[in-house]
């Protein structure tokens, strides 16, 4: 792990985002519950531009902000695959949005 930007608790353990490696890592507890061990590493698709935050959604996917400027969020599978982008970025400058889509 190069860096640890964000932490999220789940039912099974602790998820940590490493933005430098574009990875989400899940740590679980040992039977004695006094030590964490690495359970799973999810390598994020290259289409996801520098993930800096995340949330676990329905225990099977992740929601990550979309920093490309096209949408608000990326929905990512538990394998790190980009499923879809969604959410409109509001702007008071409608002309700028119209020119962007050309």
PDB file of N, CA and C in Angstrom:
ATOM      1  N   UNK A   1       0.851  -1.167   0.000  1.00  0.00           N
ATOM      2  CA  UNK A   1       0.000   0.000   0.000  1.00  0.00           C
ATOM      3  C   UNK A   1       0.898   1.231   0.000  1.00  0.00           C
ATOM      4  N   UNK A   2       0.662   2.154  -0.946  1.00  0.00           N
ATOM      5  CA  UNK A   2       1.463   3.375  -1.032  1.00  0.00           C
ATOM      6  C   UNK A   2       0.930   4.477  -0.135  1.00  0.00           C
ATOM      7  N   UNK A   3      -0.389   4.592  -0.090  1.00  0.00           N
ATOM      8  CA  UNK A   3      -1.016   5.622   0.739  1.00  0.00           C
ATOM      9  C   UNK A   3      -2.406   5.141   1.138  1.00  0.00           C
ATOM     10  N   UNK A   4      -2.982   5.781   2.123  1.00  0.00           N
ATOM     11  CA  UNK A   4      -4.316   5.425   2.582  1.00  0.00           C
ATOM     12  C   UNK A   4      -5.127   6.707   2.709  1.00  0.00           C
ATOM     13  N   UNK A   5      -5.988   6.950   1.715  1.00  0.00           N
ATOM     14  CA  UNK A   5      -6.747   8.203   1.684  1.00  0.00           C
ATOM     15  C   UNK A   5      -8.028   8.142   2.509  1.00  0.00           C
ATOM     16  N   UNK A   6      -8.775   7.072   2.363  1.00  0.00           N
ATOM     17  CA  UNK A   6     -10.069   6.975   3.031  1.00  0.00           C
ATOM     18  C   UNK A   6     -10.296   5.581   3.577  1.00  0.00           C
ATOM     19  N   UNK A   7     -11.059   5.522   4.657  1.00  0.00           N
ATOM     20  CA  UNK A   7     -11.376   4.264   5.343  1.00  0.00           C
ATOM     21  C   UNK A   7     -12.885   4.147   5.458  1.00  0.00           C
ATOM     22  N   UNK A   8     -13.412   2.954   5.251  1.00  0.00           N
ATOM     23  CA  UNK A   8     -14.842   2.694   5.428  1.00  0.00           C
ATOM     24  C   UNK A   8     -15.013   1.350   6.120  1.00  0.00           C
ATOM     25  N   UNK A   9     -15.820   1.328   7.175  1.00  0.00           N
ATOM     26  CA  UNK A   9     -16.134   0.076   7.853  1.00  0.00           C
ATOM     27  C   UNK A   9     -17.267  -0.617   7.119  1.00  0.00           C
ATOM     28  N   UNK A  10     -17.183  -1.928   6.995  1.00  0.00           N
ATOM     29  CA  UNK A  10     -18.261  -2.737   6.445  1.00  0.00           C
ATOM     30  C   UNK A  10     -18.602  -3.804   7.474  1.00  0.00           C
ATOM     31  N   UNK A  11     -19.567  -4.632   7.156  1.00  0.00           N
ATOM     32  CA  UNK A  11     -19.950  -5.701   8.081  1.00  0.00           C
ATOM     33  C   UNK A  11     -18.804  -6.687   8.312  1.00  0.00           C
ATOM     34  N   UNK A  12     -17.979  -6.882   7.277  1.00  0.00           N
ATOM     35  CA  UNK A  12     -16.910  -7.879   7.365  1.00  0.00           C
ATOM     36  C   UNK A  12     -15.570  -7.321   7.834  1.00  0.00           C
ATOM     37  N   UNK A  13     -15.389  -6.008   7.735  1.00  0.00           N
ATOM     38  CA  UNK A  13     -14.088  -5.473   8.113  1.00  0.00           C
ATOM     39  C   UNK A  13     -13.914  -4.024   7.725  1.00  0.00           C
ATOM     40  N   UNK A  14     -12.724  -3.687   7.272  1.00  0.00           N
ATOM     41  CA  UNK A  14     -12.334  -2.319   6.970  1.00  0.00           C
ATOM     42  C   UNK A  14     -11.846  -2.233   5.532  1.00  0.00           C
ATOM     43  N   UNK A  15     -12.406  -1.276   4.759  1.00  0.00           N
ATOM     44  CA  UNK A  15     -11.951  -1.009   3.391  1.00  0.00           C
ATOM     45  C   UNK A  15     -11.081   0.245   3.408  1.00  0.00           C
ATOM     46  N   UNK A  16      -9.971   0.211   2.659  1.00  0.00           N
ATOM     47  CA  UNK A  16      -9.059   1.343   2.573  1.00  0.00           C
ATOM     48  C   UNK A  16      -8.796   1.650   1.111  1.00  0.00           C
ATOM     49  N   UNK A  17      -8.857   2.941   0.753  1.00  0.00           N
ATOM     50  CA  UNK A  17      -8.572   3.391  -0.610  1.00  0.00           C
ATOM     51  C   UNK A  17      -7.127   3.846  -0.710  1.00  0.00           C
ATOM     52  N   UNK A  18      -6.411   3.295  -1.673  1.00  0.00           N
ATOM     53  CA  UNK A  18      -5.062   3.749  -2.013  1.00  0.00           C
ATOM     54  C   UNK A  18      -5.152   4.404  -3.384  1.00  0.00           C
ATOM     55  N   UNK A  19      -5.270   5.740  -3.406  1.00  0.00           N
ATOM     56  CA  UNK A  19      -5.448   6.470  -4.665  1.00  0.00           C
ATOM     57  C   UNK A  19      -4.225   6.356  -5.570  1.00  0.00           C
ATOM     58  N   UNK A  20      -3.046   6.289  -4.991  1.00  0.00           N
ATOM     59  CA  UNK A  20      -1.824   6.200  -5.802  1.00  0.00           C
ATOM     60  C   UNK A  20      -1.748   4.900  -6.594  1.00  0.00           C
ATOM     61  N   UNK A  21      -2.282   3.829  -6.040  1.00  0.00           N
ATOM     62  CA  UNK A  21      -2.273   2.540  -6.739  1.00  0.00           C
ATOM     63  C   UNK A  21      -3.617   2.213  -7.386  1.00  0.00           C
ATOM     64  N   UNK A  22      -4.618   3.090  -7.238  1.00  0.00           N
ATOM     65  CA  UNK A  22      -5.976   2.858  -7.748  1.00  0.00           C
ATOM     66  C   UNK A  22      -6.516   1.515  -7.257  1.00  0.00           C
ATOM     67  N   UNK A  23      -6.430   1.317  -5.953  1.00  0.00           N
ATOM     68  CA  UNK A  23      -6.876   0.063  -5.349  1.00  0.00           C
ATOM     69  C   UNK A  23      -7.718   0.316  -4.106  1.00  0.00           C
ATOM     70  N   UNK A  24      -8.676  -0.586  -3.921  1.00  0.00           N
ATOM     71  CA  UNK A  24      -9.425  -0.670  -2.676  1.00  0.00           C
ATOM     72  C   UNK A  24      -9.014  -1.976  -2.017  1.00  0.00           C
ATOM     73  N   UNK A  25      -8.683  -1.929  -0.746  1.00  0.00           N
ATOM     74  CA  UNK A  25      -8.240  -3.123  -0.032  1.00  0.00           C
ATOM     75  C   UNK A  25      -9.159  -3.358   1.158  1.00  0.00           C
ATOM     76  N   UNK A  26      -9.601  -4.600   1.294  1.00  0.00           N
ATOM     77  CA  UNK A  26     -10.433  -4.961   2.431  1.00  0.00           C
ATOM     78  C   UNK A  26      -9.597  -5.727   3.448  1.00  0.00           C
ATOM     79  N   UNK A  27      -9.691  -5.287   4.691  1.00  0.00           N
ATOM     80  CA  UNK A  27      -9.034  -5.962   5.797  1.00  0.00           C
ATOM     81  C   UNK A  27     -10.101  -6.567   6.699  1.00  0.00           C
ATOM     82  N   UNK A  28      -9.865  -7.792   7.141  1.00  0.00           N
ATOM     83  CA  UNK A  28     -10.775  -8.454   8.060  1.00  0.00           C
ATOM     84  C   UNK A  28     -10.093  -8.661   9.403  1.00  0.00           C
ATOM     85  N   UNK A  29     -10.866  -9.058  10.379  1.00  0.00           N
ATOM     86  CA  UNK A  29     -10.334  -9.314  11.713  1.00  0.00           C
ATOM     87  C   UNK A  29      -9.955 -10.776  11.874  1.00  0.00           C
ATOM     88  N   UNK A  30      -8.912 -11.033  12.647  1.00  0.00           N
ATOM     89  CA  UNK A  30      -8.571 -12.407  13.021  1.00  0.00           C
ATOM     90  C   UNK A  30      -9.626 -12.902  14.005  1.00  0.00           C
ATOM     91  N   UNK A  31      -9.629 -14.184  14.292  1.00  0.00           N
ATOM     92  CA  UNK A  31     -10.618 -14.748  15.220  1.00  0.00           C
ATOM     93  C   UNK A  31     -10.577 -14.091  16.591  1.00  0.00           C
ATOM     94  N   UNK A  32      -9.403 -13.680  17.023  1.00  0.00           N
ATOM     95  CA  UNK A  32      -9.285 -13.017  18.328  1.00  0.00           C
ATOM     96  C   UNK A  32      -9.720 -11.551  18.275  1.00  0.00           C
ATOM     97  N   UNK A  33      -9.981 -11.043  17.053  1.00  0.00           N
ATOM     98  CA  UNK A  33     -10.443  -9.662  16.822  1.00  0.00           C
ATOM     99  C   UNK A  33      -9.454  -8.590  17.271  1.00  0.00           C
ATOM    100  N   UNK A  34      -8.184  -8.946  17.386  1.00  0.00           N
ATOM    101  CA  UNK A  34      -7.205  -7.942  17.792  1.00  0.00           C
ATOM    102  C   UNK A  34      -6.230  -7.567  16.677  1.00  0.00           C
ATOM    103  N   UNK A  35      -6.394  -8.195  15.499  1.00  0.00           N
ATOM    104  CA  UNK A  35      -5.482  -7.941  14.385  1.00  0.00           C
ATOM    105  C   UNK A  35      -6.274  -7.920  13.075  1.00  0.00           C
ATOM    106  N   UNK A  36      -5.869  -7.020  12.176  1.00  0.00           N
ATOM    107  CA  UNK A  36      -6.454  -6.980  10.833  1.00  0.00           C
ATOM    108  C   UNK A  36      -5.558  -7.728   9.864  1.00  0.00           C
ATOM    109  N   UNK A  37      -6.172  -8.419   8.884  1.00  0.00           N
ATOM    110  CA  UNK A  37      -5.404  -9.063   7.819  1.00  0.00           C
ATOM    111  C   UNK A  37      -6.053  -8.728   6.483  1.00  0.00           C
ATOM    112  N   UNK A  38      -5.249  -8.676   5.431  1.00  0.00           N
ATOM    113  CA  UNK A  38      -5.741  -8.328   4.105  1.00  0.00           C
ATOM    114  C   UNK A  38      -6.559  -9.478   3.532  1.00  0.00           C
ATOM    115  N   UNK A  39      -7.819  -9.187   3.215  1.00  0.00           N
ATOM    116  CA  UNK A  39      -8.719 -10.194   2.665  1.00  0.00           C
ATOM    117  C   UNK A  39      -8.817 -10.122   1.146  1.00  0.00           C
ATOM    118  N   UNK A  40      -8.883  -8.895   0.632  1.00  0.00           N
ATOM    119  CA  UNK A  40      -9.171  -8.727  -0.796  1.00  0.00           C
ATOM    120  C   UNK A  40      -8.580  -7.410  -1.280  1.00  0.00           C
ATOM    121  N   UNK A  41      -8.115  -7.409  -2.535  1.00  0.00           N
ATOM    122  CA  UNK A  41      -7.651  -6.183  -3.183  1.00  0.00           C
ATOM    123  C   UNK A  41      -8.439  -6.026  -4.476  1.00  0.00           C
ATOM    124  N   UNK A  42      -9.030  -4.850  -4.660  1.00  0.00           N
ATOM    125  CA  UNK A  42      -9.803  -4.546  -5.867  1.00  0.00           C
ATOM    126  C   UNK A  42      -9.056  -3.476  -6.640  1.00  0.00           C
ATOM    127  N   UNK A  43      -8.551  -3.843  -7.813  1.00  0.00           N
ATOM    128  CA  UNK A  43      -7.855  -2.904  -8.698  1.00  0.00           C
ATOM    129  C   UNK A  43      -8.912  -2.187  -9.533  1.00  0.00           C
ATOM    130  N   UNK A  44      -8.927  -0.842  -9.498  1.00  0.00           N
ATOM    131  CA  UNK A  44      -9.939  -0.056 -10.190  1.00  0.00           C
ATOM    132  C   UNK A  44      -9.606   0.112 -11.672  1.00  0.00           C
ATOM    133  N   UNK A  45     -10.664   0.102 -12.512  1.00  0.00           N
ATOM    134  CA  UNK A  45     -10.530   0.331 -13.956  1.00  0.00           C
ATOM    135  C   UNK A  45      -9.747   1.600 -14.240  1.00  0.00           C
ATOM    136  N   UNK A  46      -9.021   1.597 -15.336  1.00  0.00           N
ATOM    137  CA  UNK A  46      -8.262   2.777 -15.743  1.00  0.00           C
ATOM    138  C   UNK A  46      -9.186   3.933 -16.144  1.00  0.00           C
ATOM    139  N   UNK A  47     -10.449   3.631 -16.459  1.00  0.00           N
ATOM    140  CA  UNK A  47     -11.424   4.670 -16.825  1.00  0.00           C
ATOM    141  C   UNK A  47     -11.800   5.554 -15.639  1.00  0.00           C
ATOM    142  N   UNK A  48     -11.515   5.092 -14.432  1.00  0.00           N
ATOM    143  CA  UNK A  48     -11.835   5.859 -13.232  1.00  0.00           C
ATOM    144  C   UNK A  48     -10.650   6.768 -12.934  1.00  0.00           C
ATOM    145  N   UNK A  49     -10.884   8.061 -13.067  1.00  0.00           N
ATOM    146  CA  UNK A  49      -9.819   9.050 -12.930  1.00  0.00           C
ATOM    147  C   UNK A  49      -9.518   9.331 -11.462  1.00  0.00           C
ATOM    148  N   UNK A  50      -8.377   8.891 -10.992  1.00  0.00           N
ATOM    149  CA  UNK A  50      -7.842   9.156  -9.639  1.00  0.00           C
ATOM    150  C   UNK A  50      -8.925   9.213  -8.567  1.00  0.00           C
ATOM    151  N   UNK A  51      -9.379   8.071  -8.152  1.00  0.00           N
ATOM    152  CA  UNK A  51     -10.369   7.976  -7.076  1.00  0.00           C
ATOM    153  C   UNK A  51      -9.781   8.526  -5.785  1.00  0.00           C
ATOM    154  N   UNK A  52     -10.472   9.479  -5.179  1.00  0.00           N
ATOM    155  CA  UNK A  52     -10.020  10.067  -3.923  1.00  0.00           C
ATOM    156  C   UNK A  52     -10.977   9.797  -2.771  1.00  0.00           C
ATOM    157  N   UNK A  53     -12.131   9.245  -3.095  1.00  0.00           N
ATOM    158  CA  UNK A  53     -13.130   8.940  -2.080  1.00  0.00           C
ATOM    159  C   UNK A  53     -13.982   7.783  -2.596  1.00  0.00           C
ATOM    160  N   UNK A  54     -14.706   7.139  -1.710  1.00  0.00           N
ATOM    161  CA  UNK A  54     -15.579   6.039  -2.109  1.00  0.00           C
ATOM    162  C   UNK A  54     -16.581   5.750  -1.013  1.00  0.00           C
ATOM    163  N   UNK A  55     -17.618   5.047  -1.378  1.00  0.00           N
ATOM    164  CA  UNK A  55     -18.585   4.538  -0.416  1.00  0.00           C
ATOM    165  C   UNK A  55     -18.976   3.137  -0.875  1.00  0.00           C
ATOM    166  N   UNK A  56     -19.238   2.261   0.070  1.00  0.00           N
ATOM    167  CA  UNK A  56     -19.682   0.905  -0.236  1.00  0.00           C
ATOM    168  C   UNK A  56     -21.194   0.961  -0.417  1.00  0.00           C
ATOM    169  N   UNK A  57     -21.678   0.424  -1.527  1.00  0.00           N
ATOM    170  CA  UNK A  57     -23.105   0.488  -1.854  1.00  0.00           C
ATOM    171  C   UNK A  57     -23.676  -0.917  -1.935  1.00  0.00           C
ATOM    172  N   UNK A  58     -24.633  -1.209  -1.098  1.00  0.00           N
ATOM    173  CA  UNK A  58     -25.335  -2.500  -1.070  1.00  0.00           C
ATOM    174  C   UNK A  58     -24.381  -3.700  -0.995  1.00  0.00           C
ATOM    175  N   UNK A  59     -23.273  -3.558  -0.323  1.00  0.00           N
ATOM    176  CA  UNK A  59     -22.293  -4.626  -0.097  1.00  0.00           C
ATOM    177  C   UNK A  59     -21.766  -5.296  -1.370  1.00  0.00           C
ATOM    178  N   UNK A  60     -22.097  -4.746  -2.551  1.00  0.00           N
ATOM    179  CA  UNK A  60     -21.641  -5.403  -3.777  1.00  0.00           C
ATOM    180  C   UNK A  60     -20.999  -4.452  -4.775  1.00  0.00           C
ATOM    181  N   UNK A  61     -21.149  -3.161  -4.567  1.00  0.00           N
ATOM    182  CA  UNK A  61     -20.551  -2.189  -5.477  1.00  0.00           C
ATOM    183  C   UNK A  61     -20.000  -1.011  -4.683  1.00  0.00           C
ATOM    184  N   UNK A  62     -19.273  -0.162  -5.382  1.00  0.00           N
ATOM    185  CA  UNK A  62     -18.719   1.049  -4.802  1.00  0.00           C
ATOM    186  C   UNK A  62     -19.221   2.243  -5.596  1.00  0.00           C
ATOM    187  N   UNK A  63     -19.403   3.354  -4.939  1.00  0.00           N
ATOM    188  CA  UNK A  63     -19.703   4.622  -5.605  1.00  0.00           C
ATOM    189  C   UNK A  63     -18.481   5.508  -5.382  1.00  0.00           C
ATOM    190  N   UNK A  64     -17.953   6.027  -6.497  1.00  0.00           N
ATOM    191  CA  UNK A  64     -16.733   6.831  -6.476  1.00  0.00           C
ATOM    192  C   UNK A  64     -17.007   8.120  -7.234  1.00  0.00           C
ATOM    193  N   UNK A  65     -16.616   9.280  -6.712  1.00  0.00           N
ATOM    194  CA  UNK A  65     -16.813  10.532  -7.461  1.00  0.00           C
ATOM    195  C   UNK A  65     -16.121  10.463  -8.823  1.00  0.00           C
ATOM    196  N   UNK A  66     -16.781  11.050  -9.835  1.00  0.00           N
ATOM    197  CA  UNK A  66     -16.232  11.089 -11.192  1.00  0.00           C
ATOM    198  C   UNK A  66     -15.517  12.419 -11.381  1.00  0.00           C
ATOM    199  N   UNK A  67     -14.200  12.382 -11.421  1.00  0.00           N
ATOM    200  CA  UNK A  67     -13.428  13.613 -11.536  1.00  0.00           C
ATOM    201  C   UNK A  67     -13.123  13.992 -12.988  1.00  0.00           C
ATOM    202  N   UNK A  68     -13.748  13.317 -13.958  1.00  0.00           N
ATOM    203  CA  UNK A  68     -13.553  13.694 -15.363  1.00  0.00           C
ATOM    204  C   UNK A  68     -14.326  14.954 -15.714  1.00  0.00           C
ATOM    205  N   UNK A  69     -15.363  15.282 -14.910  1.00  0.00           N
ATOM    206  CA  UNK A  69     -16.193  16.451 -15.202  1.00  0.00           C
ATOM    207  C   UNK A  69     -17.419  16.102 -16.012  1.00  0.00           C
ATOM    208  N   UNK A  70     -17.551  14.856 -16.449  1.00  0.00           N
ATOM    209  CA  UNK A  70     -18.702  14.448 -17.253  1.00  0.00           C
ATOM    210  C   UNK A  70     -19.931  14.158 -16.399  1.00  0.00           C
ATOM    211  N   UNK A  71     -19.742  13.510 -15.290  1.00  0.00           N
ATOM    212  CA  UNK A  71     -20.833  13.121 -14.398  1.00  0.00           C
ATOM    213  C   UNK A  71     -20.427  13.355 -12.955  1.00  0.00           C
ATOM    214  N   UNK A  72     -21.348  13.051 -12.050  1.00  0.00           N
ATOM    215  CA  UNK A  72     -21.068  13.193 -10.622  1.00  0.00           C
ATOM    216  C   UNK A  72     -20.362  11.973 -10.040  1.00  0.00           C
ATOM    217  N   UNK A  73     -20.858  10.769 -10.420  1.00  0.00           N
ATOM    218  CA  UNK A  73     -20.403   9.551  -9.768  1.00  0.00           C
ATOM    219  C   UNK A  73     -20.140   8.423 -10.749  1.00  0.00           C
ATOM    220  N   UNK A  74     -19.318   7.466 -10.306  1.00  0.00           N
ATOM    221  CA  UNK A  74     -19.078   6.211 -11.020  1.00  0.00           C
ATOM    222  C   UNK A  74     -19.585   5.085 -10.121  1.00  0.00           C
ATOM    223  N   UNK A  75     -20.321   4.151 -10.711  1.00  0.00           N
ATOM    224  CA  UNK A  75     -20.684   2.939  -9.984  1.00  0.00           C
ATOM    225  C   UNK A  75     -19.715   1.863 -10.440  1.00  0.00           C
ATOM    226  N   UNK A  76     -19.064   1.224  -9.473  1.00  0.00           N
ATOM    227  CA  UNK A  76     -17.980   0.285  -9.754  1.00  0.00           C
ATOM    228  C   UNK A  76     -18.322  -1.070  -9.134  1.00  0.00           C
ATOM    229  N   UNK A  77     -18.098  -2.131  -9.893  1.00  0.00           N
ATOM    230  CA  UNK A  77     -18.395  -3.475  -9.396  1.00  0.00           C
ATOM    231  C   UNK A  77     -17.412  -3.880  -8.310  1.00  0.00           C
ATOM    232  N   UNK A  78     -17.720  -4.966  -7.631  1.00  0.00           N
ATOM    233  CA  UNK A  78     -16.832  -5.457  -6.572  1.00  0.00           C
ATOM    234  C   UNK A  78     -15.515  -5.977  -7.136  1.00  0.00           C
ATOM    235  N   UNK A  79     -15.430  -6.122  -8.470  1.00  0.00           N
ATOM    236  CA  UNK A  79     -14.180  -6.518  -9.124  1.00  0.00           C
ATOM    237  C   UNK A  79     -13.391  -5.306  -9.629  1.00  0.00           C
ATOM    238  N   UNK A  80     -13.931  -4.081  -9.435  1.00  0.00           N
ATOM    239  CA  UNK A  80     -13.239  -2.871  -9.863  1.00  0.00           C
ATOM    240  C   UNK A  80     -13.625  -2.378 -11.237  1.00  0.00           C
ATOM    241  N   UNK A  81     -14.574  -3.044 -11.891  1.00  0.00           N
ATOM    242  CA  UNK A  81     -15.027  -2.673 -13.236  1.00  0.00           C
ATOM    243  C   UNK A  81     -16.010  -1.513 -13.172  1.00  0.00           C
ATOM    244  N   UNK A  82     -15.840  -0.539 -14.048  1.00  0.00           N
ATOM    245  CA  UNK A  82     -16.768   0.580 -14.143  1.00  0.00           C
ATOM    246  C   UNK A  82     -18.081   0.074 -14.725  1.00  0.00           C
ATOM    247  N   UNK A  83     -19.171   0.195 -13.970  1.00  0.00           N
ATOM    248  CA  UNK A  83     -20.482  -0.259 -14.424  1.00  0.00           C
ATOM    249  C   UNK A  83     -21.229   0.847 -15.155  1.00  0.00           C
ATOM    250  N   UNK A  84     -21.193   2.050 -14.583  1.00  0.00           N
ATOM    251  CA  UNK A  84     -21.867   3.188 -15.214  1.00  0.00           C
ATOM    252  C   UNK A  84     -21.443   4.473 -14.532  1.00  0.00           C
ATOM    253  N   UNK A  85     -21.656   5.570 -15.254  1.00  0.00           N
ATOM    254  CA  UNK A  85     -21.472   6.902 -14.692  1.00  0.00           C
ATOM    255  C   UNK A  85     -22.846   7.544 -14.638  1.00  0.00           C
ATOM    256  N   UNK A  86     -23.098   8.326 -13.587  1.00  0.00           N
ATOM    257  CA  UNK A  86     -24.416   8.937 -13.465  1.00  0.00           C
ATOM    258  C   UNK A  86     -24.334  10.239 -12.679  1.00  0.00           C
ATOM    259  N   UNK A  87     -25.405  11.005 -12.763  1.00  0.00           N
ATOM    260  CA  UNK A  87     -25.506  12.270 -12.037  1.00  0.00           C
ATOM    261  C   UNK A  87     -25.063  13.442 -12.889  1.00  0.00           C
ATOM    262  N   UNK A  88     -25.927  14.429 -12.982  1.00  0.00           N
ATOM    263  CA  UNK A  88     -25.646  15.623 -13.765  1.00  0.00           C
ATOM    264  C   UNK A  88     -24.940  16.638 -12.879  1.00  0.00           C
ATOM    265  N   UNK A  89     -23.956  17.297 -13.439  1.00  0.00           N
ATOM    266  CA  UNK A  89     -23.264  18.364 -12.717  1.00  0.00           C
ATOM    267  C   UNK A  89     -24.003  19.664 -13.034  1.00  0.00           C
ATOM    268  N   UNK A  90     -24.642  20.271 -12.049  1.00  0.00           N
ATOM    269  CA  UNK A  90     -25.412  21.494 -12.312  1.00  0.00           C
ATOM    270  C   UNK A  90     -24.490  22.665 -12.643  1.00  0.00           C
ATOM    271  N   UNK A  91     -25.002  23.540 -13.501  1.00  0.00           N
ATOM    272  CA  UNK A  91     -24.248  24.737 -13.854  1.00  0.00           C
ATOM    273  C   UNK A  91     -25.217  25.860 -14.181  1.00  0.00           C
ATOM    274  N   UNK A  92     -24.897  27.046 -13.753  1.00  0.00           N
ATOM    275  CA  UNK A  92     -25.703  28.211 -14.089  1.00  0.00           C
ATOM    276  C   UNK A  92     -25.380  28.688 -15.498  1.00  0.00           C
ATOM    277  N   UNK A  93     -24.260  28.210 -16.050  1.00  0.00           N
ATOM    278  CA  UNK A  93     -23.838  28.622 -17.386  1.00  0.00           C
ATOM    279  C   UNK A  93     -24.227  27.545 -18.394  1.00  0.00           C
ATOM    280  N   UNK A  94     -25.467  27.601 -18.875  1.00  0.00           N
ATOM    281  CA  UNK A  94     -25.991  26.605 -19.821  1.00  0.00           C
ATOM    282  C   UNK A  94     -25.228  26.632 -21.146  1.00  0.00           C
ATOM    283  N   UNK A  95     -24.743  27.796 -21.558  1.00  0.00           N
ATOM    284  CA  UNK A  95     -23.991  27.910 -22.808  1.00  0.00           C
ATOM    285  C   UNK A  95     -22.696  27.102 -22.733  1.00  0.00           C
ATOM    286  N   UNK A  96     -22.028  27.158 -21.599  1.00  0.00           N
ATOM    287  CA  UNK A  96     -20.793  26.377 -21.428  1.00  0.00           C
ATOM    288  C   UNK A  96     -21.082  24.890 -21.516  1.00  0.00           C
ATOM    289  N   UNK A  97     -22.187  24.437 -20.939  1.00  0.00           N
ATOM    290  CA  UNK A  97     -22.556  23.017 -21.027  1.00  0.00           C
ATOM    291  C   UNK A  97     -22.882  22.622 -22.458  1.00  0.00           C
ATOM    292  N   UNK A  98     -23.583  23.503 -23.196  1.00  0.00           N
ATOM    293  CA  UNK A  98     -23.942  23.209 -24.588  1.00  0.00           C
ATOM    294  C   UNK A  98     -22.690  23.111 -25.452  1.00  0.00           C
ATOM    295  N   UNK A  99     -21.710  23.966 -25.231  1.00  0.00           N
ATOM    296  CA  UNK A  99     -20.467  23.935 -26.002  1.00  0.00           C
ATOM    297  C   UNK A  99     -19.607  22.738 -25.646  1.00  0.00           C
ATOM    298  N   UNK A 100     -19.695  22.262 -24.436  1.00  0.00           N
ATOM    299  CA  UNK A 100     -18.923  21.122 -23.984  1.00  0.00           C
ATOM    300  C   UNK A 100     -19.326  19.845 -24.717  1.00  0.00           C
ATOM    301  N   UNK A 101     -20.607  19.702 -25.053  1.00  0.00           N
ATOM    302  CA  UNK A 101     -21.094  18.459 -25.664  1.00  0.00           C
ATOM    303  C   UNK A 101     -20.796  18.372 -27.156  1.00  0.00           C
ATOM    304  N   UNK A 102     -20.269  19.425 -27.738  1.00  0.00           N
ATOM    305  CA  UNK A 102     -19.956  19.402 -29.191  1.00  0.00           C
ATOM    306  C   UNK A 102     -18.681  18.703 -29.475  1.00  0.00           C
TER     307      UNK A 102
END
